[in-house]
């Protein structure tokens, strides 16, 4: 899934952003817990925005193997985007929640590029 020959330099640079990363086993980077708190709140039905107030075209992209955002989540959000003039939902096979880091990421970029070009 993750091509190590491409990501080993990125991983090393990322670990270097936390001076204490080498003191933990396994090596890791401490990150703020705010995004996780937002996910938990969203799973509880409390979103930091009102989807019906979004008034621009929206593309929702989800990986088939995403364990964070379910198909039900995408369907709910798609229906809640009542004022988006255009909306599209795409599920990419074999993708996870971090498909932008995976070997098949070009498919993600192609979907996004196509959506943007169709509106430019």
C-alpha atoms as a PDB file:
ATOM      1  CA  UNK A   1       0.000   0.000   0.000  1.00  0.00           C
ATOM      2  CA  UNK A   2       2.741   2.476   0.966  1.00  0.00           C
ATOM      3  CA  UNK A   3       5.762   2.452  -1.376  1.00  0.00           C
ATOM      4  CA  UNK A   4       8.597   2.577   1.159  1.00  0.00           C
ATOM      5  CA  UNK A   5      11.210   3.665  -1.369  1.00  0.00           C
ATOM      6  CA  UNK A   6       9.185   6.848  -1.852  1.00  0.00           C
ATOM      7  CA  UNK A   7       8.181   7.444   1.760  1.00  0.00           C
ATOM      8  CA  UNK A   8      11.235   6.552   3.819  1.00  0.00           C
ATOM      9  CA  UNK A   9      12.738  10.054   3.291  1.00  0.00           C
ATOM     10  CA  UNK A  10       9.370  11.647   4.092  1.00  0.00           C
ATOM     11  CA  UNK A  11       9.017   9.524   7.243  1.00  0.00           C
ATOM     12  CA  UNK A  12      12.511  10.512   8.405  1.00  0.00           C
ATOM     13  CA  UNK A  13      11.751  14.206   7.856  1.00  0.00           C
ATOM     14  CA  UNK A  14       8.406  13.879   9.653  1.00  0.00           C
ATOM     15  CA  UNK A  15       9.989  12.169  12.669  1.00  0.00           C
ATOM     16  CA  UNK A  16      12.598  14.932  12.771  1.00  0.00           C
ATOM     17  CA  UNK A  17       9.835  17.502  13.403  1.00  0.00           C
ATOM     18  CA  UNK A  18       9.503  16.128  16.952  1.00  0.00           C
ATOM     19  CA  UNK A  19      12.861  16.270  18.763  1.00  0.00           C
ATOM     20  CA  UNK A  20      11.626  13.623  21.226  1.00  0.00           C
ATOM     21  CA  UNK A  21      10.483  11.172  18.539  1.00  0.00           C
ATOM     22  CA  UNK A  22      13.531   8.966  19.027  1.00  0.00           C
ATOM     23  CA  UNK A  23      12.852   8.637  22.763  1.00  0.00           C
ATOM     24  CA  UNK A  24       9.635   6.683  22.147  1.00  0.00           C
ATOM     25  CA  UNK A  25       9.356   3.072  21.024  1.00  0.00           C
ATOM     26  CA  UNK A  26       8.369   2.862  18.312  1.00  0.00           C
ATOM     27  CA  UNK A  27       9.583   6.241  17.114  1.00  0.00           C
ATOM     28  CA  UNK A  28       6.607   8.548  16.807  1.00  0.00           C
ATOM     29  CA  UNK A  29       5.536  12.165  16.549  1.00  0.00           C
ATOM     30  CA  UNK A  30       3.251  13.711  19.133  1.00  0.00           C
ATOM     31  CA  UNK A  31       0.435  15.626  17.505  1.00  0.00           C
ATOM     32  CA  UNK A  32      -2.363  17.784  18.930  1.00  0.00           C
ATOM     33  CA  UNK A  33      -5.500  15.834  19.755  1.00  0.00           C
ATOM     34  CA  UNK A  34      -7.855  18.473  18.315  1.00  0.00           C
ATOM     35  CA  UNK A  35      -8.465  16.646  15.018  1.00  0.00           C
ATOM     36  CA  UNK A  36      -9.272  13.437  16.899  1.00  0.00           C
ATOM     37  CA  UNK A  37     -11.661  15.345  19.163  1.00  0.00           C
ATOM     38  CA  UNK A  38     -13.359  16.730  16.041  1.00  0.00           C
ATOM     39  CA  UNK A  39     -13.745  13.192  14.656  1.00  0.00           C
ATOM     40  CA  UNK A  40     -15.274  11.935  17.903  1.00  0.00           C
ATOM     41  CA  UNK A  41     -17.648  14.921  17.971  1.00  0.00           C
ATOM     42  CA  UNK A  42     -18.644  14.279  14.347  1.00  0.00           C
ATOM     43  CA  UNK A  43     -19.299  10.602  15.099  1.00  0.00           C
ATOM     44  CA  UNK A  44     -21.582  11.861  17.872  1.00  0.00           C
ATOM     45  CA  UNK A  45     -23.469  14.072  15.421  1.00  0.00           C
ATOM     46  CA  UNK A  46     -21.852  17.396  16.315  1.00  0.00           C
ATOM     47  CA  UNK A  47     -20.208  18.970  13.289  1.00  0.00           C
ATOM     48  CA  UNK A  48     -18.320  22.296  13.341  1.00  0.00           C
ATOM     49  CA  UNK A  49     -20.318  23.459  10.306  1.00  0.00           C
ATOM     50  CA  UNK A  50     -23.785  23.353   8.794  1.00  0.00           C
ATOM     51  CA  UNK A  51     -23.581  21.451   5.514  1.00  0.00           C
ATOM     52  CA  UNK A  52     -26.708  23.180   4.220  1.00  0.00           C
ATOM     53  CA  UNK A  53     -24.836  26.520   4.271  1.00  0.00           C
ATOM     54  CA  UNK A  54     -22.203  25.332   1.776  1.00  0.00           C
ATOM     55  CA  UNK A  55     -22.952  27.115  -1.518  1.00  0.00           C
ATOM     56  CA  UNK A  56     -20.065  25.997  -3.728  1.00  0.00           C
ATOM     57  CA  UNK A  57     -19.555  22.847  -5.815  1.00  0.00           C
ATOM     58  CA  UNK A  58     -18.488  19.917  -3.619  1.00  0.00           C
ATOM     59  CA  UNK A  59     -16.556  16.755  -4.390  1.00  0.00           C
ATOM     60  CA  UNK A  60     -16.623  13.997  -1.778  1.00  0.00           C
ATOM     61  CA  UNK A  61     -13.962  11.342  -2.272  1.00  0.00           C
ATOM     62  CA  UNK A  62     -13.726   8.253  -0.101  1.00  0.00           C
ATOM     63  CA  UNK A  63     -11.576   5.164  -0.248  1.00  0.00           C
ATOM     64  CA  UNK A  64     -13.339   1.815  -0.362  1.00  0.00           C
ATOM     65  CA  UNK A  65     -11.282   0.629   2.632  1.00  0.00           C
ATOM     66  CA  UNK A  66     -11.626   3.859   4.643  1.00  0.00           C
ATOM     67  CA  UNK A  67     -12.259   2.911   8.270  1.00  0.00           C
ATOM     68  CA  UNK A  68     -12.746   6.535   9.422  1.00  0.00           C
ATOM     69  CA  UNK A  69     -15.398   7.803   6.989  1.00  0.00           C
ATOM     70  CA  UNK A  70     -18.020   5.233   6.114  1.00  0.00           C
ATOM     71  CA  UNK A  71     -20.223   5.014   3.059  1.00  0.00           C
ATOM     72  CA  UNK A  72     -23.107   5.969   5.344  1.00  0.00           C
ATOM     73  CA  UNK A  73     -21.205   9.114   6.386  1.00  0.00           C
ATOM     74  CA  UNK A  74     -20.658  10.132   2.770  1.00  0.00           C
ATOM     75  CA  UNK A  75     -24.291   9.476   1.872  1.00  0.00           C
ATOM     76  CA  UNK A  76     -25.462  11.544   4.849  1.00  0.00           C
ATOM     77  CA  UNK A  77     -23.184  14.460   3.975  1.00  0.00           C
ATOM     78  CA  UNK A  78     -24.138  14.284   0.301  1.00  0.00           C
ATOM     79  CA  UNK A  79     -27.833  14.595   1.241  1.00  0.00           C
ATOM     80  CA  UNK A  80     -27.099  17.389   3.754  1.00  0.00           C
ATOM     81  CA  UNK A  81     -25.418  19.543   1.073  1.00  0.00           C
ATOM     82  CA  UNK A  82     -28.803  20.950   0.089  1.00  0.00           C
ATOM     83  CA  UNK A  83     -27.497  24.293  -1.227  1.00  0.00           C
ATOM     84  CA  UNK A  84     -24.412  23.118  -3.072  1.00  0.00           C
ATOM     85  CA  UNK A  85     -25.062  23.943  -6.735  1.00  0.00           C
ATOM     86  CA  UNK A  86     -23.194  20.817  -7.838  1.00  0.00           C
ATOM     87  CA  UNK A  87     -22.086  17.837  -5.845  1.00  0.00           C
ATOM     88  CA  UNK A  88     -20.395  14.582  -6.640  1.00  0.00           C
ATOM     89  CA  UNK A  89     -19.447  11.589  -4.495  1.00  0.00           C
ATOM     90  CA  UNK A  90     -16.777   9.140  -5.617  1.00  0.00           C
ATOM     91  CA  UNK A  91     -15.536   5.974  -3.931  1.00  0.00           C
ATOM     92  CA  UNK A  92     -12.110   4.807  -5.061  1.00  0.00           C
ATOM     93  CA  UNK A  93     -11.497   1.088  -4.877  1.00  0.00           C
ATOM     94  CA  UNK A  94      -8.689  -0.144  -2.640  1.00  0.00           C
ATOM     95  CA  UNK A  95      -8.204   3.287  -1.059  1.00  0.00           C
ATOM     96  CA  UNK A  96      -8.047   4.035   2.649  1.00  0.00           C
ATOM     97  CA  UNK A  97      -8.449   7.256   4.630  1.00  0.00           C
ATOM     98  CA  UNK A  98      -4.890   8.218   3.709  1.00  0.00           C
ATOM     99  CA  UNK A  99      -5.032   7.351   0.017  1.00  0.00           C
ATOM    100  CA  UNK A 100      -3.134  10.565  -0.738  1.00  0.00           C
ATOM    101  CA  UNK A 101      -0.098   8.743   0.683  1.00  0.00           C
ATOM    102  CA  UNK A 102      -0.705   5.409  -1.034  1.00  0.00           C
ATOM    103  CA  UNK A 103       0.753   4.011  -4.227  1.00  0.00           C
ATOM    104  CA  UNK A 104      -2.605   4.474  -6.022  1.00  0.00           C
ATOM    105  CA  UNK A 105      -2.815   8.162  -5.146  1.00  0.00           C
ATOM    106  CA  UNK A 106      -2.709   9.183  -8.821  1.00  0.00           C
ATOM    107  CA  UNK A 107      -6.335   8.005  -9.087  1.00  0.00           C
ATOM    108  CA  UNK A 108      -7.283  10.412  -6.312  1.00  0.00           C
ATOM    109  CA  UNK A 109      -5.458  13.277  -8.006  1.00  0.00           C
ATOM    110  CA  UNK A 110      -7.126  12.450 -11.346  1.00  0.00           C
ATOM    111  CA  UNK A 111     -10.627  12.556  -9.814  1.00  0.00           C
ATOM    112  CA  UNK A 112      -9.903  15.890  -8.114  1.00  0.00           C
ATOM    113  CA  UNK A 113      -8.306  17.354 -11.230  1.00  0.00           C
ATOM    114  CA  UNK A 114     -11.287  16.297 -13.356  1.00  0.00           C
ATOM    115  CA  UNK A 115     -13.751  17.853 -10.928  1.00  0.00           C
ATOM    116  CA  UNK A 116     -11.833  21.138 -10.853  1.00  0.00           C
ATOM    117  CA  UNK A 117     -11.259  21.297 -14.610  1.00  0.00           C
ATOM    118  CA  UNK A 118     -14.946  20.736 -15.317  1.00  0.00           C
ATOM    119  CA  UNK A 119     -15.681  23.887 -13.337  1.00  0.00           C
ATOM    120  CA  UNK A 120     -12.938  26.173 -14.614  1.00  0.00           C
END
